[in-house]
Protein backbone atom coordinates (compact mmCIF):
# COMPACT_ATOMS: atom_id res chain seq x y z
CA UNK A 1 136.35 111.60 -1.36
CA UNK A 2 133.30 113.90 -0.95
CA UNK A 3 133.75 117.26 0.84
CA UNK A 4 131.57 117.77 3.91
CA UNK A 5 128.56 119.94 3.43
CA UNK A 6 129.06 123.60 4.89
CA UNK A 7 126.16 125.16 6.77
CA UNK A 8 125.74 128.58 5.32
CA UNK A 9 122.81 129.91 7.40
CA UNK A 10 123.71 129.67 11.11
CA UNK A 11 120.93 132.00 12.51
CA UNK A 12 118.55 130.34 14.94
CA UNK A 13 115.24 129.05 13.71
CA UNK A 14 112.21 131.21 14.33
CA UNK A 15 110.46 128.35 16.11
CA UNK A 16 112.60 126.56 18.75
CA UNK A 17 111.78 122.96 19.60
CA UNK A 18 112.99 121.52 22.92
CA UNK A 19 113.54 117.88 23.87
CA UNK A 20 110.76 118.22 26.45
CA UNK A 21 108.36 119.34 23.82
CA UNK A 22 109.21 116.35 21.55
CA UNK A 23 108.67 113.90 24.47
CA UNK A 24 105.43 115.54 25.44
CA UNK A 25 104.03 115.25 21.84
CA UNK A 26 105.19 111.66 21.73
CA UNK A 27 103.22 110.84 24.80
CA UNK A 28 100.09 112.45 23.35
CA UNK A 29 100.20 110.38 20.15
CA UNK A 30 98.21 107.20 20.57
CA UNK A 31 100.21 105.37 17.87
CA UNK A 32 103.37 105.78 19.76
CA UNK A 33 102.16 105.15 23.27
CA UNK A 34 102.79 101.57 24.52
CA UNK A 35 99.55 99.45 24.57
CA UNK A 36 97.73 98.77 27.79
CA UNK A 37 98.49 95.42 29.17
CA UNK A 38 95.57 92.98 29.90
CA UNK A 39 95.95 90.21 32.26
CA UNK A 40 93.94 87.13 31.46
CA UNK A 41 95.05 84.40 33.76
CA UNK A 42 96.80 83.83 37.20
CA UNK A 43 100.13 83.16 35.62
CA UNK A 44 100.21 86.48 33.93
CA UNK A 45 99.05 88.15 37.14
CA UNK A 46 101.95 86.52 39.04
CA UNK A 47 104.42 87.61 36.41
CA UNK A 48 103.09 91.18 36.49
CA UNK A 49 103.30 91.23 40.30
CA UNK A 50 106.84 89.83 40.35
CA UNK A 51 107.98 92.32 37.78
CA UNK A 52 106.30 95.19 39.58
CA UNK A 53 107.77 94.27 43.00
CA UNK A 54 111.26 94.05 41.39
CA UNK A 55 110.81 97.55 39.99
CA UNK A 56 109.86 98.89 43.43
CA UNK A 57 112.76 97.05 45.18
CA UNK A 58 115.15 98.58 42.62
CA UNK A 59 113.79 102.03 43.32
CA UNK A 60 113.87 101.54 47.08
CA UNK A 61 117.68 101.58 46.92
CA UNK A 62 117.55 105.27 46.38
CA UNK A 63 116.00 105.55 49.86
CA UNK A 64 113.14 107.79 48.67
CA UNK A 65 110.18 108.08 50.91
CA UNK A 66 107.78 108.41 47.96
CA UNK A 67 108.75 105.05 46.64
CA UNK A 68 108.00 103.36 49.94
CA UNK A 69 104.52 104.93 49.98
CA UNK A 70 103.81 103.99 46.41
CA UNK A 71 105.04 100.46 47.01
CA UNK A 72 102.74 100.07 50.05
CA UNK A 73 99.72 101.55 48.25
CA UNK A 74 100.28 99.16 45.30
CA UNK A 75 100.42 96.18 47.56
CA UNK A 76 97.22 97.51 49.16
CA UNK A 77 95.60 97.73 45.61
CA UNK A 78 96.51 94.13 45.10
CA UNK A 79 94.66 93.25 48.30
CA UNK A 80 97.92 91.79 49.81
CA UNK A 81 97.58 93.53 53.13
CA UNK A 82 100.29 91.47 54.75
CA UNK A 83 102.88 92.59 52.25
CA UNK A 84 101.60 96.19 52.42
CA UNK A 85 101.96 96.15 56.16
CA UNK A 86 105.51 94.76 55.77
CA UNK A 87 106.39 97.54 53.37
CA UNK A 88 105.11 100.19 55.85
CA UNK A 89 107.17 98.66 58.66
CA UNK A 90 110.35 98.73 56.45
CA UNK A 91 109.70 102.32 55.63
CA UNK A 92 109.35 103.25 59.35
CA UNK A 93 112.64 101.49 60.03
CA UNK A 94 114.37 103.71 57.64
CA UNK A 95 112.99 107.02 59.10
CA UNK A 96 110.59 106.66 62.03
CA UNK A 97 110.77 110.37 62.81
CA UNK A 98 108.65 111.23 59.66
CA UNK A 99 105.24 111.55 61.24
CA UNK A 100 103.66 111.51 57.69
CA UNK A 101 104.56 107.88 57.32
CA UNK A 102 102.76 107.07 60.56
CA UNK A 103 99.69 109.00 59.53
CA UNK A 104 99.50 107.16 56.12
CA UNK A 105 100.17 103.75 57.77
CA UNK A 106 97.37 104.30 60.29
CA UNK A 107 95.08 105.50 57.58
CA UNK A 108 95.81 102.33 55.60
CA UNK A 109 94.80 100.17 58.61
CA UNK A 110 91.66 102.23 59.35
CA UNK A 111 90.47 102.33 55.73
CA UNK A 112 90.70 98.50 55.53
CA UNK A 113 88.98 98.24 58.91
CA UNK A 114 91.87 96.80 60.82
CA UNK A 115 91.03 98.65 64.07
CA UNK A 116 93.40 96.86 66.38
CA UNK A 117 96.18 97.20 63.91
CA UNK A 118 95.50 100.87 63.65
CA UNK A 119 95.60 101.16 67.49
CA UNK A 120 98.91 99.50 67.50
CA UNK A 121 100.30 102.01 64.94
CA UNK A 122 98.91 104.99 66.89
CA UNK A 123 100.34 103.75 70.13
CA UNK A 124 103.72 103.35 68.67
CA UNK A 125 103.49 106.73 66.98
CA UNK A 126 102.68 108.76 69.99
CA UNK A 127 105.09 106.90 72.08
CA UNK A 128 108.01 107.73 69.66
CA UNK A 129 106.80 111.21 68.59
CA UNK A 130 104.91 112.70 71.53
CA UNK A 131 105.51 116.31 70.42
CA UNK A 132 103.61 115.90 67.18
CA UNK A 133 100.04 117.06 68.01
CA UNK A 134 98.63 115.78 64.84
CA UNK A 135 99.18 112.14 65.81
CA UNK A 136 97.29 112.63 69.10
CA UNK A 137 94.40 114.40 67.32
CA UNK A 138 94.04 111.63 64.81
CA UNK A 139 94.23 108.83 67.33
CA UNK A 140 91.60 110.53 69.62
CA UNK A 141 89.41 111.20 66.62
CA UNK A 142 89.43 107.54 65.62
CA UNK A 143 88.43 106.41 69.17
CA UNK A 144 85.79 108.95 69.36
CA UNK A 145 84.22 107.92 65.98
CA UNK A 146 84.23 104.32 67.19
CA UNK A 147 82.29 105.40 70.24
CA UNK A 148 85.15 104.47 72.54
CA UNK A 149 84.79 107.63 74.83
CA UNK A 150 86.81 106.09 77.75
CA UNK A 151 89.56 105.19 75.33
CA UNK A 152 89.61 108.66 73.97
CA UNK A 153 89.78 110.21 77.41
CA UNK A 154 92.67 107.76 78.31
CA UNK A 155 94.56 109.07 75.30
CA UNK A 156 94.04 112.65 76.41
CA UNK A 157 95.23 111.87 79.78
CA UNK A 158 98.53 110.37 78.26
CA UNK A 159 98.92 113.45 76.05
CA UNK A 160 98.58 116.17 78.75
CA UNK A 161 101.38 114.45 80.68
CA UNK A 162 103.62 115.86 77.99
CA UNK A 163 102.29 119.35 78.73
CA UNK A 164 101.16 120.35 75.17
CA UNK A 165 100.35 123.86 74.05
CA UNK A 166 97.04 125.63 74.96
CA UNK A 167 95.19 124.23 72.00
CA UNK A 168 95.80 120.60 73.23
CA UNK A 169 94.26 121.43 76.69
CA UNK A 170 91.32 123.28 75.13
CA UNK A 171 90.60 120.29 72.84
CA UNK A 172 90.40 118.15 75.97
CA UNK A 173 88.04 120.48 77.72
CA UNK A 174 85.80 120.77 74.64
CA UNK A 175 85.77 116.92 74.47
CA UNK A 176 84.41 116.74 78.02
CA UNK A 177 81.87 119.48 77.42
CA UNK A 178 80.53 117.48 74.35
CA UNK A 179 79.54 114.70 76.81
CA UNK A 180 78.33 117.18 79.45
CA UNK A 181 81.16 116.38 81.93
CA UNK A 182 81.26 119.82 83.66
CA UNK A 183 83.32 118.67 86.68
CA UNK A 184 85.89 116.83 84.64
CA UNK A 185 86.21 120.08 82.58
CA UNK A 186 86.87 122.13 85.72
CA UNK A 187 89.54 119.69 86.88
CA UNK A 188 91.20 119.92 83.50
CA UNK A 189 91.04 123.75 83.62
CA UNK A 190 92.91 123.61 86.96
CA UNK A 191 95.69 121.51 85.42
CA UNK A 192 95.61 123.84 82.42
CA UNK A 193 96.31 127.05 84.31
CA UNK A 194 99.00 125.31 86.34
CA UNK A 195 100.74 124.22 83.15
CA UNK A 196 100.22 127.57 81.25
CA UNK A 197 99.79 130.26 83.90
CA UNK A 198 99.23 132.95 81.20
CA UNK A 199 96.59 135.57 81.39
CA UNK A 200 94.73 134.24 78.32
CA UNK A 201 94.40 130.78 80.22
CA UNK A 202 92.99 132.41 83.36
CA UNK A 203 90.54 134.44 81.31
CA UNK A 204 89.25 131.31 79.56
CA UNK A 205 88.82 129.63 82.98
CA UNK A 206 86.98 132.72 84.47
CA UNK A 207 84.65 132.98 81.44
CA UNK A 208 83.90 129.19 81.69
CA UNK A 209 82.97 129.61 85.46
CA UNK A 210 80.91 132.68 84.64
CA UNK A 211 79.07 130.81 81.87
CA UNK A 212 78.17 128.06 84.33
CA UNK A 213 76.84 130.65 86.79
CA UNK A 214 79.72 130.33 89.32
CA UNK A 215 80.30 134.11 90.05
CA UNK A 216 82.42 133.59 93.09
CA UNK A 217 84.62 130.97 91.39
CA UNK A 218 85.07 133.28 88.42
CA UNK A 219 86.09 136.22 90.70
CA UNK A 220 88.50 133.82 92.34
CA UNK A 221 90.04 133.01 88.95
CA UNK A 222 90.54 136.73 88.12
CA UNK A 223 92.04 137.33 91.67
CA UNK A 224 94.53 134.27 91.30
CA UNK A 225 95.51 135.57 87.77
CA UNK A 226 96.31 139.07 89.28
CA UNK A 227 98.34 137.39 92.08
CA UNK A 228 100.26 135.38 89.57
CA UNK A 229 101.48 138.55 87.85
CA UNK A 230 103.60 139.40 90.86
CA UNK A 231 105.35 142.72 90.72
CA UNK A 232 106.02 142.54 86.95
CA UNK A 233 103.22 143.91 84.73
CA UNK A 234 103.72 143.00 81.15
CA UNK A 235 101.51 143.64 78.13
CA UNK A 236 98.97 141.08 79.23
CA UNK A 237 98.35 142.89 82.45
CA UNK A 238 96.18 145.57 80.90
CA UNK A 239 94.04 142.87 79.23
CA UNK A 240 93.56 141.12 82.61
CA UNK A 241 92.59 144.17 84.62
CA UNK A 242 90.10 145.40 81.89
CA UNK A 243 88.41 141.99 81.83
CA UNK A 244 88.37 141.77 85.66
CA UNK A 245 86.84 145.37 85.93
CA UNK A 246 84.27 144.63 83.18
CA UNK A 247 83.32 141.48 85.06
CA UNK A 248 82.78 143.48 88.25
CA UNK A 249 80.80 145.96 86.30
CA UNK A 250 78.46 143.27 84.94
CA UNK A 251 77.97 142.10 88.47
CA UNK A 252 76.90 145.64 89.40
CA UNK A 253 80.06 145.95 91.70
CA UNK A 254 80.94 149.58 90.58
CA UNK A 255 83.26 150.35 93.42
CA UNK A 256 85.07 147.15 92.96
CA UNK A 257 85.56 148.04 89.20
CA UNK A 258 86.61 151.60 90.15
CA UNK A 259 89.19 150.38 92.58
CA UNK A 260 90.66 147.89 90.01
CA UNK A 261 90.99 150.64 87.42
CA UNK A 262 92.82 152.92 89.77
CA UNK A 263 95.12 150.13 91.08
CA UNK A 264 95.98 149.12 87.49
CA UNK A 265 96.69 152.77 86.44
CA UNK A 266 99.05 153.09 89.38
CA UNK A 267 101.04 150.01 88.67
CA UNK A 268 101.03 149.54 84.84
CA UNK A 269 103.20 151.82 82.71
CA UNK A 270 101.15 154.61 81.03
CA UNK A 271 102.29 153.70 77.53
CA UNK A 272 100.77 150.17 77.80
CA UNK A 273 97.54 151.23 79.61
CA UNK A 274 95.66 153.28 76.84
CA UNK A 275 92.70 150.97 76.67
CA UNK A 276 92.60 150.73 80.46
CA UNK A 277 92.53 154.58 80.73
CA UNK A 278 89.71 154.81 78.17
CA UNK A 279 87.60 152.17 80.07
CA UNK A 280 88.14 154.02 83.30
CA UNK A 281 87.02 157.30 81.82
CA UNK A 282 83.93 155.60 80.32
CA UNK A 283 83.04 154.13 83.73
CA UNK A 284 83.34 157.38 85.44
CA UNK A 285 81.17 159.17 82.83
CA UNK A 286 78.49 156.49 83.29
CA UNK A 287 78.50 156.01 87.07
CA UNK A 288 80.74 158.79 88.57
CA UNK A 289 80.35 162.34 89.61
CA UNK A 290 82.10 165.45 88.14
CA UNK A 291 84.96 165.27 90.56
CA UNK A 292 85.70 161.66 89.64
CA UNK A 293 85.60 162.31 85.97
CA UNK A 294 88.01 165.24 86.19
CA UNK A 295 90.28 163.21 88.32
CA UNK A 296 90.31 160.49 85.73
CA UNK A 297 91.00 162.80 82.83
CA UNK A 298 93.71 165.06 84.43
CA UNK A 299 95.58 162.17 86.10
CA UNK A 300 98.01 161.91 83.22
CA UNK A 301 98.51 165.67 82.98
CA UNK A 302 99.58 166.08 86.64
CA UNK A 303 102.91 164.37 86.10
CA UNK A 304 103.73 166.52 83.10
CA UNK A 305 102.79 169.59 85.06
CA UNK A 306 105.30 168.67 87.82
CA UNK A 307 108.00 168.22 85.27
CA UNK A 308 107.17 171.41 83.57
CA UNK A 309 107.34 173.42 86.86
CA UNK A 310 110.55 171.68 87.85
CA UNK A 311 112.41 172.34 84.56
CA UNK A 312 111.30 175.95 84.50
CA UNK A 313 113.72 176.54 87.45
CA UNK A 314 116.98 177.17 85.30
CA UNK A 315 120.13 177.28 87.37
CA UNK A 316 121.22 180.97 87.97
CA UNK A 317 124.95 180.55 87.27
CA UNK A 318 126.50 179.02 84.12
CA UNK A 319 128.62 176.50 85.98
CA UNK A 320 128.47 172.85 85.07
CA UNK A 321 128.23 171.61 88.65
CA UNK A 322 125.00 173.54 89.07
CA UNK A 323 123.65 172.23 85.83
CA UNK A 324 124.24 168.51 86.38
CA UNK A 325 121.07 167.87 88.51
CA UNK A 326 119.15 170.06 86.23
CA UNK A 327 120.00 168.10 83.16
CA UNK A 328 119.17 164.77 84.98
CA UNK A 329 115.77 166.16 85.63
CA UNK A 330 115.36 166.82 81.87
CA UNK A 331 116.57 163.22 81.15
CA UNK A 332 113.88 161.84 83.53
CA UNK A 333 111.29 164.01 81.92
CA UNK A 334 112.27 162.60 78.43
CA UNK A 335 112.33 159.06 79.65
CA UNK A 336 108.87 159.38 81.14
CA UNK A 337 107.35 160.62 77.90
CA UNK A 338 109.25 157.99 75.92
CA UNK A 339 108.78 154.86 77.91
CA UNK A 340 105.83 155.56 80.29
CA UNK A 341 103.58 157.76 78.31
CA UNK A 342 104.98 156.65 74.91
CA UNK A 343 104.33 160.15 73.41
CA UNK A 344 107.11 160.31 70.78
CA UNK A 345 106.33 163.89 69.64
CA UNK A 346 106.42 165.14 73.19
CA UNK A 347 109.62 163.28 73.83
CA UNK A 348 111.34 164.94 70.80
CA UNK A 349 110.05 168.29 72.12
CA UNK A 350 111.61 167.74 75.51
CA UNK A 351 115.03 166.81 74.03
CA UNK A 352 114.91 169.97 71.77
CA UNK A 353 113.94 172.28 74.65
CA UNK A 354 116.74 170.92 76.85
CA UNK A 355 119.45 171.27 74.09
CA UNK A 356 118.31 174.87 73.55
CA UNK A 357 118.74 175.74 77.17
CA UNK A 358 122.32 174.51 77.67
CA UNK A 359 125.00 177.14 77.13
CA UNK A 360 127.16 175.10 74.79
CA UNK A 361 129.85 177.71 74.28
CA UNK A 362 130.78 177.30 78.01
CA UNK A 363 130.09 173.63 78.57
CA UNK A 364 127.91 170.84 77.26
CA UNK A 365 126.57 167.41 78.15
CA UNK A 366 127.45 164.64 75.67
CA UNK A 367 124.95 162.42 77.32
CA UNK A 368 121.87 164.43 76.33
CA UNK A 369 123.09 164.72 72.80
CA UNK A 370 123.60 161.00 72.44
CA UNK A 371 120.27 160.19 74.02
CA UNK A 372 118.37 162.49 71.64
CA UNK A 373 120.22 160.90 68.72
CA UNK A 374 119.45 157.38 69.93
CA UNK A 375 115.90 158.24 70.38
CA UNK A 376 115.53 159.24 66.74
CA UNK A 377 117.31 156.10 65.68
CA UNK A 378 114.82 154.02 67.49
CA UNK A 379 112.12 155.95 65.62
CA UNK A 380 113.93 155.09 62.42
CA UNK A 381 114.71 158.74 61.71
CA UNK A 382 118.35 158.35 60.75
CA UNK A 383 118.55 161.87 59.08
CA UNK A 384 117.34 163.50 62.31
CA UNK A 385 119.91 161.55 64.38
CA UNK A 386 122.64 162.76 62.02
CA UNK A 387 121.43 166.31 62.42
CA UNK A 388 121.64 166.11 66.16
CA UNK A 389 125.07 164.61 66.14
CA UNK A 390 126.30 167.04 63.50
CA UNK A 391 125.07 169.90 65.59
CA UNK A 392 126.87 168.46 68.66
CA UNK A 393 130.16 168.30 66.62
CA UNK A 394 129.70 171.87 65.48
CA UNK A 395 128.71 173.32 68.79
CA UNK A 396 130.29 171.16 71.42
CA UNK A 397 132.68 168.53 69.97
CA UNK A 398 133.46 165.71 72.32
CA UNK A 399 135.34 162.39 72.22
CA UNK A 400 132.22 160.41 73.12
CA UNK A 401 130.06 162.12 70.43
CA UNK A 402 132.76 161.40 67.69
CA UNK A 403 133.14 157.77 68.74
CA UNK A 404 129.36 157.11 68.89
CA UNK A 405 128.69 158.85 65.58
CA UNK A 406 131.40 156.83 63.87
CA UNK A 407 130.06 153.74 65.41
CA UNK A 408 126.53 154.41 64.12
CA UNK A 409 127.77 155.11 60.62
CA UNK A 410 130.02 152.01 60.53
CA UNK A 411 127.08 149.82 61.57
CA UNK A 412 125.14 151.35 58.70
CA UNK A 413 128.03 150.64 56.33
CA UNK A 414 128.68 154.24 55.40
CA UNK A 415 132.35 154.14 54.93
CA UNK A 416 132.72 157.63 53.37
CA UNK A 417 130.86 159.22 56.17
CA UNK A 418 133.24 157.44 58.66
CA UNK A 419 136.20 158.79 56.79
CA UNK A 420 134.84 162.35 56.85
CA UNK A 421 134.08 161.99 60.59
CA UNK A 422 137.59 160.80 61.38
CA UNK A 423 138.92 163.76 59.46
CA UNK A 424 136.77 166.13 61.45
CA UNK A 425 137.86 164.33 64.69
CA UNK A 426 141.55 164.78 63.78
CA UNK A 427 141.07 168.36 62.75
CA UNK A 428 139.45 169.05 66.24
CA UNK A 429 142.10 167.06 68.08
CA UNK A 430 145.14 166.03 66.03
CA UNK A 431 147.03 164.72 69.09
CA UNK A 432 144.54 161.89 69.66
CA UNK A 433 146.49 158.72 68.90
CA UNK A 434 143.23 156.75 69.39
CA UNK A 435 141.61 158.53 66.51
CA UNK A 436 144.71 158.06 64.27
CA UNK A 437 144.85 154.32 65.09
CA UNK A 438 141.06 153.69 64.54
CA UNK A 439 141.23 155.63 61.22
CA UNK A 440 144.10 153.37 60.15
CA UNK A 441 142.13 150.23 61.33
CA UNK A 442 139.26 151.17 59.04
CA UNK A 443 141.58 151.48 56.03
CA UNK A 444 143.19 148.17 57.02
CA UNK A 445 139.76 146.43 57.11
CA UNK A 446 139.17 147.73 53.55
CA UNK A 447 142.64 146.41 52.40
CA UNK A 448 143.67 150.00 51.59
CA UNK A 449 147.44 149.46 52.37
CA UNK A 450 148.85 152.67 50.93
CA UNK A 451 146.14 154.75 52.60
CA UNK A 452 146.92 153.21 55.94
CA UNK A 453 150.64 153.79 55.54
CA UNK A 454 150.05 157.46 54.50
CA UNK A 455 147.72 157.84 57.65
CA UNK A 456 150.54 156.51 59.91
CA UNK A 457 153.09 158.80 58.43
CA UNK A 458 150.89 161.81 59.00
CA UNK A 459 150.33 160.71 62.54
CA UNK A 460 153.90 160.25 63.57
CA UNK A 461 154.81 163.57 62.06
CA UNK A 462 152.55 165.44 64.45
CA UNK A 463 154.32 167.73 66.79
CA UNK A 464 152.27 166.59 69.86
CA UNK A 465 150.69 163.19 70.60
CA UNK A 466 149.00 162.03 73.76
CA UNK A 467 150.24 158.36 73.58
CA UNK A 468 152.93 158.06 70.80
CA UNK A 469 154.11 154.68 71.99
CA UNK A 470 150.73 153.12 71.03
CA UNK A 471 150.79 154.85 67.67
CA UNK A 472 154.30 153.63 66.81
CA UNK A 473 153.38 150.04 68.00
CA UNK A 474 150.37 150.04 65.79
CA UNK A 475 152.40 151.20 62.81
CA UNK A 476 155.06 148.55 63.36
CA UNK A 477 152.44 145.72 63.81
CA UNK A 478 150.77 146.79 60.56
CA UNK A 479 154.04 146.48 58.68
CA UNK A 480 154.75 143.09 60.25
CA UNK A 481 151.24 141.89 59.30
CA UNK A 482 151.96 142.90 55.63
CA UNK A 483 155.37 140.93 55.81
CA UNK A 484 157.21 144.21 55.11
CA UNK A 485 160.32 143.38 57.20
CA UNK A 486 162.55 146.02 55.65
CA UNK A 487 160.02 148.73 56.26
CA UNK A 488 159.65 147.42 59.82
CA UNK A 489 163.42 147.69 60.37
CA UNK A 490 163.30 151.29 59.02
CA UNK A 491 160.56 152.17 61.44
CA UNK A 492 162.49 150.77 64.36
CA UNK A 493 165.54 152.77 63.26
CA UNK A 494 163.44 155.98 62.99
CA UNK A 495 161.93 155.32 66.40
CA UNK A 496 165.40 154.82 67.98
CA UNK A 497 166.37 158.10 66.56
CA UNK A 498 163.69 159.65 68.72
CA UNK A 499 164.03 157.56 71.84
CA UNK A 500 166.51 155.08 73.24
CA UNK A 501 164.06 153.42 75.65
CA UNK A 502 164.88 149.84 76.69
CA UNK A 503 161.55 148.51 75.59
CA UNK A 504 162.21 149.69 72.08
CA UNK A 505 165.49 147.83 71.89
CA UNK A 506 163.81 144.66 73.30
CA UNK A 507 160.91 144.89 70.80
CA UNK A 508 163.46 145.41 68.00
CA UNK A 509 165.51 142.32 69.01
CA UNK A 510 162.35 140.18 69.29
CA UNK A 511 161.33 141.26 65.83
CA UNK A 512 164.69 140.33 64.37
CA UNK A 513 164.58 136.91 66.11
CA UNK A 514 161.06 136.15 64.71
CA UNK A 515 162.04 137.40 61.23
CA UNK A 516 165.10 135.04 61.29
CA UNK A 517 162.92 132.09 62.38
CA UNK A 518 160.45 132.86 59.54
CA UNK A 519 163.29 133.00 57.01
CA UNK A 520 164.51 129.70 57.96
CA UNK A 521 161.08 128.13 57.84
CA UNK A 522 160.70 129.64 54.34
CA UNK A 523 163.98 128.23 53.26
CA UNK A 524 163.26 124.70 54.49
CA UNK A 525 159.75 124.88 52.84
CA UNK A 526 161.39 125.92 49.49
CA UNK A 527 163.93 123.14 49.66
CA UNK A 528 161.18 120.51 50.36
CA UNK A 529 158.99 121.97 47.45
CA UNK A 530 162.05 121.82 45.09
CA UNK A 531 162.85 118.21 46.03
CA UNK A 532 159.20 117.09 45.37
CA UNK A 533 159.20 118.93 41.94
CA UNK A 534 162.54 117.40 40.95
CA UNK A 535 161.24 113.94 41.70
CA UNK A 536 158.14 114.52 39.64
CA UNK A 537 160.36 115.90 36.79
CA UNK A 538 162.55 112.79 36.92
CA UNK A 539 159.46 110.36 36.85
CA UNK A 540 158.03 112.24 33.88
CA UNK A 541 161.41 111.96 31.91
CA UNK A 542 161.52 108.32 32.68
CA UNK A 543 158.11 107.82 31.32
CA UNK A 544 159.27 109.24 27.90
CA UNK A 545 161.62 106.16 27.41
CA UNK A 546 164.46 106.78 25.15
CA UNK A 547 163.46 110.35 24.33
CA UNK A 548 163.57 111.31 27.95
CA UNK A 549 166.61 113.17 29.40
CA UNK A 550 166.96 111.35 32.75
CA UNK A 551 170.61 112.23 33.30
CA UNK A 552 169.90 115.95 32.98
CA UNK A 553 167.43 115.74 35.81
CA UNK A 554 169.33 113.33 37.94
CA UNK A 555 172.15 115.82 38.30
CA UNK A 556 169.80 118.27 39.86
CA UNK A 557 168.54 115.87 42.53
CA UNK A 558 170.11 116.15 45.93
CA UNK A 559 172.41 113.30 47.18
CA UNK A 560 171.07 111.06 49.97
CA UNK A 561 173.57 110.87 52.83
CA UNK A 562 173.44 108.43 55.72
CA UNK A 563 175.12 109.95 58.92
CA UNK A 564 175.37 109.36 62.52
CA UNK A 565 174.66 112.02 65.09
CA UNK A 566 175.25 112.15 68.85
CA UNK A 567 172.17 111.95 71.11
CA UNK A 568 171.54 111.25 74.74
CA UNK A 569 170.71 107.54 74.66
CA UNK A 570 172.28 104.27 75.75
CA UNK A 571 174.25 103.89 72.43
CA UNK A 572 174.94 107.58 72.24
CA UNK A 573 174.44 107.69 68.39
CA UNK A 574 171.53 107.29 65.94
CA UNK A 575 171.38 107.04 62.20
CA UNK A 576 169.81 109.86 60.22
CA UNK A 577 169.26 110.83 56.52
CA UNK A 578 170.40 114.17 55.11
CA UNK A 579 170.13 115.58 51.64
CA UNK A 580 172.98 117.43 49.94
CA UNK A 581 171.79 119.90 47.35
CA UNK A 582 173.98 120.62 44.25
CA UNK A 583 174.18 124.27 45.16
CA UNK A 584 175.41 123.37 48.63
CA UNK A 585 178.07 121.20 47.01
CA UNK A 586 179.29 123.99 44.92
CA UNK A 587 179.36 126.35 47.90
CA UNK A 588 181.22 123.73 49.91
CA UNK A 589 183.86 123.38 47.04
CA UNK A 590 184.27 127.03 46.81
CA UNK A 591 184.82 127.27 50.63
CA UNK A 592 187.43 124.46 50.36
CA UNK A 593 189.28 126.33 47.62
CA UNK A 594 189.14 129.54 49.47
CA UNK A 595 190.50 128.00 52.57
CA UNK A 596 193.38 126.30 50.57
CA UNK A 597 194.26 129.68 48.96
CA UNK A 598 194.41 131.32 52.34
CA UNK A 599 196.66 128.45 53.64
CA UNK A 600 198.94 128.70 50.67
CA UNK A 601 199.18 132.52 51.12
CA UNK A 602 200.13 132.18 54.73
CA UNK A 603 202.87 129.61 53.83
CA UNK A 604 204.44 131.98 51.28
CA UNK A 605 204.39 134.92 53.79
CA UNK A 606 205.95 132.78 56.51
CA UNK A 607 208.77 131.74 54.12
CA UNK A 608 209.77 135.22 53.60
């Protein structure tokens, strides 16, 4: 017998060859490639078609869309249009929601000049998928290419009943303008602005009227658009008023344009009206006098001047009740710079000036600290926000500041910072049970059991606590959640050493009752598991035949006992099945022996 050859060199080859590379090279070799089949008569053609159709039918079972498309195109290449149409219909039955199938089906009909069939496909497609704009566009394009303008218009009318987006309406308008149907285009514009009452739609309508020389109608469009805004001026309001004022300026209505600019600047927030303000200044420089130019330029500065003069009046006494209105004035000033004027550098300066004026050694305002920090967070300046909150903790610590600072760091996922902040919080106010409990909850969320237990021990050892009952309850609930029943009992005993309150006794009793129920459930579950495993063991031993030790396992199985128990029914009894485990039998026997011994002992004593 020959020995197998051992491979001595197991290092990888310098040039690795993959299976894909081998297949690719095989396909490139002309000698290996299968020869092209040439069909010479109708019989061979029929066999080829039969074989090819069978291949497609087999692939179709995988329900792949690409197979259906290839199958239909192959039938089309064989000039068997009826079969091709049948394949397309079967594909749509499988997935009619795929609009690409409809497009390819209709393209097949149009390419082969089956116009009525194509119309039928388009009609069904837009009826089933009316929200797919591409189907409508293709359908309309086909009718327009065929010169069927009335048919294309009818399709547009069907489409706009579904209220498409703005591009669909504009396509309809452009269609009418291509055939010089101005009045029809105006009617469509009216429906358009009713369906999409946005500023962009009104501006297109107004420019359309202006292009056709209808100045009064264009002004009416601008006015209706302004009325449609109501009392809420969003980001598009500036665009509308700028376009309206420029329209009036083109019409040489300078007073109208000036009035529009002033009205808009009075109603639109300053932060969203920068372009409007620039246009107004340019208008005054071109047509206004010196007084009008100065009024336009200094209008913004007037509000800031009022706030500056108001905040200069610092309260004379350092009492908090005098400072409350004064701080509200600073808050309004900062909100104006932030939201209305959107001058972020000026807003930061207002907050800093306010915080410098407050006598933090006597009293402070947590609200202004938090607003300054939240402003920096909105500007993505996290480090500046931390500096502000850190200064607040150092100069004027407050519950609100600690809670908000911890909340921010927790949202950012900075656990170590949260721990340090909780430590600072408890150094400042060690009697706060809220801080101890939240600190422990943080550790519990991180599965730091020993750290949580140590925190609770430190907390309950404090000499003074504001709400000790909540702290003890949190500690007990934590131990129960960890299934540490002995530790929980020890906690209840320690708590009862400190207080004999009735609620503590009731809670202790409820805990013991729930622990007992849990123990019984665990015992029953273990018994059931042992029974199932013993049965599996017995079946395995039986499968071994003579080698298996069936008797050894059978002894460990519980005995099945049929008993009758009393119930509230007509018969009064029912049959039930119980299992007697071997350990229970031994326990029962021991109890019987113990009872017999006690009886014998009593008999001997009675004799003497």
